[in-house]
């Protein structure tokens, strides 16, 4: 009975050793997957922070753009009023023409400045949108890559077990 018991233990020894090696290999693979996953999570956090910053900038630019549009509208109304006044005063008195012409030109320059600022802000907003879109695409590709890699590793581990 003693020998048969010992024989039974030695018979399972190679199987246990092989199983332990496979488990250790699986554990190493899982650690590698965890490390890569943590690295990818850090990348995602960084990208999310960049995206949030872009969204904040976009929001700020949108607010500025709205203010500039309101200012432009106000300037256009003022410009229209000054044009009418200019035409009336031109008929009444040629001496005041220079004064109103100067006011008209200043508001027109402000209007052009405001338009230029709006164009710059719109350009900046489009660039931010392009950056945002590229970051979203990059995040999607990283997520897809991680999902595929994790699926492959899980499949390998399941096959090994």
N, C-alpha and C. Protein backbone atom coordinates (compact mmCIF):
# COMPACT_ATOMS: atom_id res chain seq x y z
N UNK A 1 0.82 -1.19 0.00
CA UNK A 1 0.00 0.00 0.00
C UNK A 1 0.87 1.26 0.00
N UNK A 2 1.95 1.25 0.74
CA UNK A 2 2.86 2.40 0.79
C UNK A 2 3.43 2.71 -0.59
N UNK A 3 3.84 1.66 -1.33
CA UNK A 3 4.42 1.89 -2.65
C UNK A 3 3.39 2.40 -3.65
N UNK A 4 2.21 1.81 -3.57
CA UNK A 4 1.20 2.27 -4.52
C UNK A 4 0.82 3.73 -4.25
N UNK A 5 0.80 4.14 -3.00
CA UNK A 5 0.50 5.52 -2.67
C UNK A 5 1.59 6.44 -3.18
N UNK A 6 2.83 6.03 -2.99
CA UNK A 6 3.93 6.83 -3.47
C UNK A 6 3.93 6.91 -4.99
N UNK A 7 3.62 5.79 -5.59
CA UNK A 7 3.58 5.77 -7.05
C UNK A 7 2.50 6.73 -7.57
N UNK A 8 1.39 6.77 -6.92
CA UNK A 8 0.32 7.66 -7.32
C UNK A 8 0.79 9.12 -7.27
N UNK A 9 1.51 9.48 -6.21
CA UNK A 9 2.00 10.86 -6.10
C UNK A 9 3.01 11.18 -7.19
N UNK A 10 3.89 10.29 -7.48
CA UNK A 10 4.89 10.55 -8.51
C UNK A 10 4.26 10.57 -9.88
N UNK A 11 3.19 9.83 -10.04
CA UNK A 11 2.55 9.81 -11.33
C UNK A 11 1.93 11.18 -11.66
N UNK A 12 1.42 11.88 -10.66
CA UNK A 12 0.80 13.18 -10.90
C UNK A 12 1.78 14.34 -10.81
N UNK A 13 3.00 14.07 -10.38
CA UNK A 13 3.98 15.13 -10.22
C UNK A 13 4.26 15.87 -11.53
N UNK A 14 4.52 15.20 -12.66
CA UNK A 14 4.77 15.96 -13.90
C UNK A 14 3.56 16.79 -14.34
N UNK A 15 2.37 16.26 -14.13
CA UNK A 15 1.17 17.00 -14.51
C UNK A 15 1.04 18.26 -13.65
N UNK A 16 1.27 18.13 -12.35
CA UNK A 16 1.20 19.30 -11.46
C UNK A 16 2.25 20.32 -11.83
N UNK A 17 3.45 19.83 -12.11
CA UNK A 17 4.53 20.75 -12.49
C UNK A 17 4.17 21.50 -13.78
N UNK A 18 3.64 20.78 -14.75
CA UNK A 18 3.27 21.39 -16.03
C UNK A 18 2.14 22.40 -15.80
N UNK A 19 1.16 22.00 -15.01
CA UNK A 19 0.05 22.91 -14.72
C UNK A 19 0.56 24.17 -14.03
N UNK A 20 1.47 24.00 -13.06
CA UNK A 20 2.02 25.14 -12.35
C UNK A 20 2.79 26.06 -13.31
N UNK A 21 3.56 25.48 -14.23
CA UNK A 21 4.30 26.29 -15.20
C UNK A 21 3.33 27.09 -16.09
N UNK A 22 2.29 26.42 -16.53
CA UNK A 22 1.30 27.09 -17.37
C UNK A 22 0.63 28.20 -16.58
N UNK A 23 0.29 27.92 -15.31
CA UNK A 23 -0.34 28.95 -14.49
C UNK A 23 0.60 30.13 -14.27
N UNK A 24 1.89 29.85 -14.03
CA UNK A 24 2.85 30.94 -13.84
C UNK A 24 2.99 31.76 -15.13
N UNK A 25 3.00 31.07 -16.27
CA UNK A 25 3.07 31.76 -17.55
C UNK A 25 1.82 32.61 -17.74
N UNK A 26 0.67 32.04 -17.40
CA UNK A 26 -0.58 32.80 -17.51
C UNK A 26 -0.56 34.01 -16.59
N UNK A 27 -0.03 33.84 -15.40
CA UNK A 27 0.04 34.95 -14.45
C UNK A 27 0.96 36.04 -15.01
N UNK A 28 2.08 35.62 -15.58
CA UNK A 28 2.99 36.59 -16.20
C UNK A 28 2.29 37.33 -17.34
N UNK A 29 1.56 36.58 -18.16
CA UNK A 29 0.83 37.21 -19.27
C UNK A 29 -0.22 38.18 -18.73
N UNK A 30 -0.92 37.77 -17.68
CA UNK A 30 -1.93 38.64 -17.09
C UNK A 30 -1.29 39.91 -16.54
N UNK A 31 -0.13 39.77 -15.92
CA UNK A 31 0.57 40.95 -15.41
C UNK A 31 0.96 41.88 -16.56
N UNK A 32 1.45 41.28 -17.64
CA UNK A 32 1.81 42.09 -18.80
C UNK A 32 0.57 42.80 -19.35
N UNK A 33 -0.54 42.08 -19.41
CA UNK A 33 -1.78 42.67 -19.90
C UNK A 33 -2.22 43.80 -18.97
N UNK A 34 -2.11 43.56 -17.65
CA UNK A 34 -2.47 44.61 -16.69
C UNK A 34 -1.58 45.83 -16.85
N UNK A 35 -0.26 45.59 -17.00
CA UNK A 35 0.66 46.72 -17.18
C UNK A 35 0.31 47.50 -18.45
N UNK A 36 0.08 46.80 -19.53
CA UNK A 36 -0.28 47.46 -20.79
C UNK A 36 -1.62 48.18 -20.65
N UNK A 37 -2.55 47.53 -19.98
CA UNK A 37 -3.86 48.13 -19.76
C UNK A 37 -3.73 49.40 -18.92
N UNK A 38 -2.90 49.37 -17.87
CA UNK A 38 -2.68 50.56 -17.05
C UNK A 38 -2.03 51.67 -17.86
N UNK A 39 -1.07 51.26 -18.70
CA UNK A 39 -0.41 52.24 -19.57
C UNK A 39 -1.44 52.88 -20.52
N UNK A 40 -2.29 52.06 -21.09
CA UNK A 40 -3.31 52.56 -22.00
C UNK A 40 -4.31 53.44 -21.25
N UNK A 41 -4.63 53.07 -20.00
CA UNK A 41 -5.53 53.90 -19.20
C UNK A 41 -4.92 55.27 -18.96
N UNK A 42 -3.62 55.30 -18.68
CA UNK A 42 -2.94 56.58 -18.49
C UNK A 42 -3.01 57.42 -19.76
N UNK A 43 -2.79 56.76 -20.91
CA UNK A 43 -2.89 57.47 -22.19
C UNK A 43 -4.30 58.04 -22.36
N UNK A 44 -5.28 57.21 -22.05
CA UNK A 44 -6.67 57.64 -22.19
C UNK A 44 -6.95 58.82 -21.26
N UNK A 45 -6.46 58.75 -20.01
CA UNK A 45 -6.66 59.87 -19.08
C UNK A 45 -6.02 61.14 -19.62
N UNK A 46 -4.81 61.01 -20.15
CA UNK A 46 -4.13 62.17 -20.72
C UNK A 46 -4.93 62.74 -21.89
N UNK A 47 -5.39 61.86 -22.74
CA UNK A 47 -6.17 62.32 -23.89
C UNK A 47 -7.50 62.92 -23.45
N UNK A 48 -8.11 62.32 -22.43
CA UNK A 48 -9.35 62.88 -21.93
C UNK A 48 -9.12 64.28 -21.35
N UNK A 49 -8.00 64.44 -20.64
CA UNK A 49 -7.68 65.77 -20.10
C UNK A 49 -7.48 66.77 -21.24
N UNK A 50 -6.77 66.34 -22.28
CA UNK A 50 -6.57 67.22 -23.45
C UNK A 50 -7.91 67.55 -24.11
N UNK A 51 -8.75 66.54 -24.21
CA UNK A 51 -10.06 66.77 -24.81
C UNK A 51 -10.89 67.73 -23.96
N UNK A 52 -10.84 67.55 -22.65
CA UNK A 52 -11.58 68.45 -21.77
C UNK A 52 -11.07 69.88 -21.90
N UNK A 53 -9.76 69.99 -22.00
CA UNK A 53 -9.16 71.32 -22.18
C UNK A 53 -9.64 71.94 -23.49
N UNK A 54 -9.67 71.12 -24.54
CA UNK A 54 -10.16 71.60 -25.83
C UNK A 54 -11.64 72.00 -25.74
N UNK A 55 -12.41 71.18 -25.03
CA UNK A 55 -13.83 71.51 -24.88
C UNK A 55 -14.01 72.81 -24.11
N UNK A 56 -13.19 73.00 -23.07
CA UNK A 56 -13.25 74.24 -22.31
C UNK A 56 -12.88 75.43 -23.19
N UNK A 57 -11.82 75.26 -23.99
CA UNK A 57 -11.41 76.32 -24.90
C UNK A 57 -12.51 76.60 -25.93
N UNK A 58 -13.11 75.53 -26.41
CA UNK A 58 -14.17 75.69 -27.38
C UNK A 58 -15.34 76.46 -26.76
N UNK A 59 -15.67 76.13 -25.52
CA UNK A 59 -16.75 76.83 -24.83
C UNK A 59 -16.41 78.31 -24.66
N UNK A 60 -15.16 78.58 -24.25
CA UNK A 60 -14.74 79.97 -24.08
C UNK A 60 -14.78 80.73 -25.40
N UNK A 61 -14.33 80.08 -26.45
CA UNK A 61 -14.35 80.70 -27.77
C UNK A 61 -15.79 80.94 -28.22
N UNK A 62 -16.66 79.99 -27.92
CA UNK A 62 -18.07 80.16 -28.29
C UNK A 62 -18.68 81.37 -27.58
N UNK A 63 -18.36 81.51 -26.30
CA UNK A 63 -18.87 82.66 -25.54
C UNK A 63 -18.31 83.95 -26.14
N UNK A 64 -17.00 83.97 -26.40
CA UNK A 64 -16.40 85.16 -27.00
C UNK A 64 -17.01 85.45 -28.37
N UNK A 65 -17.22 84.41 -29.13
CA UNK A 65 -17.80 84.57 -30.46
C UNK A 65 -19.21 85.15 -30.36
N UNK A 66 -19.98 84.69 -29.40
CA UNK A 66 -21.33 85.23 -29.21
C UNK A 66 -21.26 86.71 -28.85
N UNK A 67 -20.34 87.05 -27.94
CA UNK A 67 -20.19 88.46 -27.57
C UNK A 67 -19.78 89.30 -28.78
N UNK A 68 -18.84 88.77 -29.56
CA UNK A 68 -18.38 89.52 -30.73
C UNK A 68 -19.50 89.66 -31.76
N UNK A 69 -20.32 88.62 -31.90
CA UNK A 69 -21.45 88.73 -32.83
C UNK A 69 -22.45 89.78 -32.35
N UNK A 70 -22.70 89.81 -31.04
CA UNK A 70 -23.59 90.83 -30.51
C UNK A 70 -23.01 92.22 -30.74
N UNK A 71 -21.71 92.34 -30.51
CA UNK A 71 -21.04 93.61 -30.74
C UNK A 71 -21.11 94.00 -32.21
N UNK A 72 -20.92 93.03 -33.08
CA UNK A 72 -21.00 93.29 -34.51
C UNK A 72 -22.39 93.76 -34.89
N UNK A 73 -23.41 93.10 -34.35
CA UNK A 73 -24.78 93.51 -34.63
C UNK A 73 -25.04 94.93 -34.15
N UNK A 74 -24.57 95.19 -32.94
CA UNK A 74 -24.71 96.54 -32.39
C UNK A 74 -23.98 97.55 -33.25
N UNK A 75 -22.76 97.22 -33.66
CA UNK A 75 -21.98 98.11 -34.52
C UNK A 75 -22.66 98.33 -35.87
N UNK A 76 -23.29 97.28 -36.39
CA UNK A 76 -23.97 97.42 -37.67
C UNK A 76 -25.17 98.36 -37.54
N UNK A 77 -25.90 98.24 -36.43
CA UNK A 77 -27.02 99.15 -36.19
C UNK A 77 -26.51 100.58 -36.07
N UNK A 78 -25.45 100.73 -35.27
CA UNK A 78 -24.87 102.07 -35.12
C UNK A 78 -24.40 102.61 -36.46
N UNK A 79 -23.81 101.75 -37.24
CA UNK A 79 -23.33 102.17 -38.56
C UNK A 79 -24.49 102.63 -39.43
N UNK A 80 -25.58 101.89 -39.38
CA UNK A 80 -26.75 102.25 -40.18
C UNK A 80 -27.32 103.60 -39.73
N UNK A 81 -27.41 103.80 -38.42
CA UNK A 81 -27.91 105.08 -37.90
C UNK A 81 -27.00 106.22 -38.32
N UNK A 82 -25.69 105.99 -38.20
CA UNK A 82 -24.75 107.05 -38.60
C UNK A 82 -24.80 107.34 -40.08
N UNK A 83 -25.05 106.33 -40.90
CA UNK A 83 -25.17 106.57 -42.33
C UNK A 83 -26.37 107.46 -42.63
N UNK A 84 -27.48 107.19 -41.96
CA UNK A 84 -28.67 108.02 -42.16
C UNK A 84 -28.42 109.46 -41.69
N UNK A 85 -27.81 109.58 -40.53
CA UNK A 85 -27.49 110.93 -40.02
C UNK A 85 -26.55 111.65 -40.96
N UNK A 86 -25.59 110.93 -41.45
CA UNK A 86 -24.63 111.52 -42.39
C UNK A 86 -25.33 112.07 -43.62
N UNK A 87 -26.25 111.28 -44.16
CA UNK A 87 -26.96 111.73 -45.37
C UNK A 87 -27.81 112.97 -45.10
N UNK A 88 -28.49 113.00 -43.95
CA UNK A 88 -29.31 114.17 -43.61
C UNK A 88 -28.45 115.42 -43.42
N UNK A 89 -27.38 115.25 -42.66
CA UNK A 89 -26.51 116.40 -42.38
C UNK A 89 -25.77 116.88 -43.62
N UNK A 90 -25.50 115.98 -44.53
CA UNK A 90 -24.84 116.38 -45.77
C UNK A 90 -25.71 117.36 -46.54
N UNK A 91 -27.00 117.08 -46.55
CA UNK A 91 -27.93 117.97 -47.23
C UNK A 91 -28.05 119.30 -46.48
N UNK A 92 -28.11 119.26 -45.18
CA UNK A 92 -28.31 120.48 -44.38
C UNK A 92 -27.05 121.35 -44.33
N UNK A 93 -25.92 120.70 -44.10
CA UNK A 93 -24.73 121.54 -43.88
C UNK A 93 -23.48 120.80 -44.34
N UNK A 94 -22.77 121.39 -45.28
CA UNK A 94 -21.55 120.78 -45.80
C UNK A 94 -20.39 120.87 -44.80
N UNK A 95 -20.47 121.79 -43.84
CA UNK A 95 -19.39 121.96 -42.88
C UNK A 95 -19.29 120.79 -41.89
N UNK A 96 -20.41 120.21 -41.55
CA UNK A 96 -20.39 119.09 -40.58
C UNK A 96 -20.06 117.75 -41.23
N UNK A 97 -19.94 117.76 -42.53
CA UNK A 97 -19.67 116.51 -43.27
C UNK A 97 -18.40 115.83 -42.77
N UNK A 98 -17.34 116.55 -42.58
CA UNK A 98 -16.07 115.95 -42.17
C UNK A 98 -16.18 115.25 -40.81
N UNK A 99 -16.90 115.89 -39.88
CA UNK A 99 -17.06 115.31 -38.54
C UNK A 99 -17.78 113.97 -38.59
N UNK A 100 -18.89 113.91 -39.27
CA UNK A 100 -19.65 112.67 -39.35
C UNK A 100 -18.95 111.61 -40.21
N UNK A 101 -18.22 112.08 -41.20
CA UNK A 101 -17.45 111.13 -42.03
C UNK A 101 -16.42 110.42 -41.16
N UNK A 102 -15.79 111.17 -40.28
CA UNK A 102 -14.79 110.58 -39.39
C UNK A 102 -15.43 109.55 -38.46
N UNK A 103 -16.57 109.87 -37.87
CA UNK A 103 -17.28 108.92 -36.99
C UNK A 103 -17.67 107.66 -37.76
N UNK A 104 -18.17 107.88 -38.94
CA UNK A 104 -18.55 106.75 -39.80
C UNK A 104 -17.36 105.83 -40.06
N UNK A 105 -16.24 106.44 -40.41
CA UNK A 105 -15.04 105.64 -40.71
C UNK A 105 -14.54 104.86 -39.48
N UNK A 106 -14.62 105.49 -38.31
CA UNK A 106 -14.18 104.81 -37.09
C UNK A 106 -15.05 103.59 -36.79
N UNK A 107 -16.36 103.77 -36.89
CA UNK A 107 -17.25 102.64 -36.63
C UNK A 107 -17.06 101.56 -37.68
N UNK A 108 -16.85 101.98 -38.91
CA UNK A 108 -16.59 101.01 -39.97
C UNK A 108 -15.32 100.21 -39.68
N UNK A 109 -14.27 100.91 -39.20
CA UNK A 109 -13.03 100.21 -38.84
C UNK A 109 -13.26 99.25 -37.67
N UNK A 110 -14.04 99.69 -36.69
CA UNK A 110 -14.37 98.81 -35.57
C UNK A 110 -15.13 97.59 -36.06
N UNK A 111 -16.03 97.83 -36.97
CA UNK A 111 -16.82 96.75 -37.55
C UNK A 111 -15.91 95.75 -38.27
N UNK A 112 -14.99 96.27 -39.05
CA UNK A 112 -14.05 95.40 -39.76
C UNK A 112 -13.16 94.64 -38.77
N UNK A 113 -12.74 95.34 -37.71
CA UNK A 113 -11.94 94.69 -36.68
C UNK A 113 -12.71 93.55 -36.03
N UNK A 114 -13.96 93.85 -35.72
CA UNK A 114 -14.81 92.84 -35.09
C UNK A 114 -15.02 91.66 -36.03
N UNK A 115 -15.26 91.95 -37.30
CA UNK A 115 -15.40 90.88 -38.29
C UNK A 115 -14.13 90.04 -38.36
N UNK A 116 -12.99 90.71 -38.34
CA UNK A 116 -11.72 89.99 -38.40
C UNK A 116 -11.54 89.12 -37.16
N UNK A 117 -11.92 89.66 -36.00
CA UNK A 117 -11.82 88.88 -34.76
C UNK A 117 -12.73 87.66 -34.82
N UNK A 118 -13.93 87.85 -35.36
CA UNK A 118 -14.85 86.72 -35.50
C UNK A 118 -14.26 85.67 -36.43
N UNK A 119 -13.68 86.11 -37.54
CA UNK A 119 -13.07 85.15 -38.47
C UNK A 119 -11.94 84.39 -37.80
N UNK A 120 -11.13 85.10 -37.00
CA UNK A 120 -10.03 84.44 -36.30
C UNK A 120 -10.56 83.45 -35.28
N UNK A 121 -11.60 83.85 -34.55
CA UNK A 121 -12.19 82.96 -33.54
C UNK A 121 -12.84 81.75 -34.21
N UNK A 122 -13.49 81.96 -35.34
CA UNK A 122 -14.09 80.84 -36.07
C UNK A 122 -13.00 79.90 -36.57
N UNK A 123 -11.91 80.47 -37.05
CA UNK A 123 -10.79 79.63 -37.49
C UNK A 123 -10.22 78.84 -36.32
N UNK A 124 -10.07 79.50 -35.19
CA UNK A 124 -9.55 78.84 -33.99
C UNK A 124 -10.51 77.74 -33.55
N UNK A 125 -11.81 78.02 -33.62
CA UNK A 125 -12.80 77.03 -33.24
C UNK A 125 -12.75 75.83 -34.19
N UNK A 126 -12.57 76.07 -35.48
CA UNK A 126 -12.46 74.97 -36.44
C UNK A 126 -11.22 74.14 -36.19
N UNK A 127 -10.12 74.81 -35.85
CA UNK A 127 -8.90 74.07 -35.54
C UNK A 127 -9.09 73.22 -34.30
N UNK A 128 -9.75 73.78 -33.29
CA UNK A 128 -10.02 73.02 -32.08
C UNK A 128 -10.95 71.84 -32.37
N UNK A 129 -11.92 72.07 -33.26
CA UNK A 129 -12.83 70.98 -33.63
C UNK A 129 -12.05 69.87 -34.33
N UNK A 130 -11.13 70.26 -35.24
CA UNK A 130 -10.30 69.26 -35.92
C UNK A 130 -9.45 68.50 -34.92
N UNK A 131 -8.85 69.22 -33.97
CA UNK A 131 -8.04 68.59 -32.93
C UNK A 131 -8.90 67.64 -32.10
N UNK A 132 -10.07 68.11 -31.73
CA UNK A 132 -11.00 67.29 -30.95
C UNK A 132 -11.36 66.03 -31.72
N UNK A 133 -11.69 66.17 -33.01
CA UNK A 133 -12.04 65.01 -33.83
C UNK A 133 -10.88 64.03 -33.93
N UNK A 134 -9.66 64.55 -34.08
CA UNK A 134 -8.51 63.65 -34.18
C UNK A 134 -8.28 62.91 -32.87
N UNK A 135 -8.50 63.59 -31.74
CA UNK A 135 -8.33 62.95 -30.43
C UNK A 135 -9.40 61.88 -30.21
N UNK A 136 -10.60 62.16 -30.65
CA UNK A 136 -11.67 61.17 -30.53
C UNK A 136 -11.33 59.94 -31.37
N UNK A 137 -10.85 60.17 -32.60
CA UNK A 137 -10.43 59.05 -33.46
C UNK A 137 -9.31 58.26 -32.81
N UNK A 138 -8.36 58.97 -32.23
CA UNK A 138 -7.23 58.31 -31.57
C UNK A 138 -7.71 57.50 -30.37
N UNK A 139 -8.62 58.05 -29.60
CA UNK A 139 -9.17 57.32 -28.46
C UNK A 139 -9.92 56.07 -28.92
N UNK A 140 -10.71 56.22 -29.96
CA UNK A 140 -11.45 55.07 -30.48
C UNK A 140 -10.51 53.97 -30.96
N UNK A 141 -9.43 54.35 -31.63
CA UNK A 141 -8.50 53.32 -32.11
C UNK A 141 -7.78 52.65 -30.95
N UNK A 142 -7.43 53.41 -29.92
CA UNK A 142 -6.77 52.82 -28.74
C UNK A 142 -7.72 51.86 -28.03
N UNK A 143 -8.96 52.29 -27.88
CA UNK A 143 -9.95 51.43 -27.22
C UNK A 143 -10.16 50.15 -28.02
N UNK A 144 -10.28 50.30 -29.34
CA UNK A 144 -10.48 49.12 -30.18
C UNK A 144 -9.27 48.19 -30.10
N UNK A 145 -8.08 48.77 -30.12
CA UNK A 145 -6.87 47.98 -30.02
C UNK A 145 -6.83 47.23 -28.68
N UNK A 146 -7.15 47.93 -27.59
CA UNK A 146 -7.15 47.31 -26.27
C UNK A 146 -8.17 46.19 -26.18
N UNK A 147 -9.34 46.43 -26.71
CA UNK A 147 -10.38 45.40 -26.67
C UNK A 147 -9.92 44.17 -27.44
N UNK A 148 -9.35 44.39 -28.63
CA UNK A 148 -8.88 43.25 -29.43
C UNK A 148 -7.74 42.51 -28.74
N UNK A 149 -6.81 43.26 -28.18
CA UNK A 149 -5.69 42.61 -27.49
C UNK A 149 -6.16 41.85 -26.27
N UNK A 150 -7.06 42.45 -25.51
CA UNK A 150 -7.58 41.78 -24.32
C UNK A 150 -8.38 40.54 -24.71
N UNK A 151 -9.13 40.63 -25.77
CA UNK A 151 -9.90 39.48 -26.22
C UNK A 151 -8.96 38.35 -26.65
N UNK A 152 -7.90 38.71 -27.39
CA UNK A 152 -6.94 37.69 -27.82
C UNK A 152 -6.24 37.05 -26.63
N UNK A 153 -5.85 37.85 -25.67
CA UNK A 153 -5.17 37.32 -24.49
C UNK A 153 -6.09 36.44 -23.65
N UNK A 154 -7.33 36.87 -23.50
CA UNK A 154 -8.28 36.05 -22.75
C UNK A 154 -8.51 34.73 -23.48
N UNK A 155 -8.60 34.79 -24.81
CA UNK A 155 -8.78 33.57 -25.60
C UNK A 155 -7.57 32.64 -25.43
N UNK A 156 -6.37 33.22 -25.47
CA UNK A 156 -5.16 32.41 -25.28
C UNK A 156 -5.13 31.77 -23.90
N UNK A 157 -5.50 32.55 -22.91
CA UNK A 157 -5.49 32.02 -21.53
C UNK A 157 -6.51 30.90 -21.39
N UNK A 158 -7.67 31.12 -21.97
CA UNK A 158 -8.69 30.08 -21.91
C UNK A 158 -8.24 28.82 -22.64
N UNK A 159 -7.55 28.98 -23.75
CA UNK A 159 -7.05 27.82 -24.49
C UNK A 159 -5.98 27.08 -23.70
N UNK A 160 -5.15 27.86 -23.00
CA UNK A 160 -4.10 27.25 -22.20
C UNK A 160 -4.66 26.50 -21.00
N UNK A 161 -5.74 26.96 -20.49
CA UNK A 161 -6.35 26.29 -19.33
C UNK A 161 -7.14 25.11 -19.81
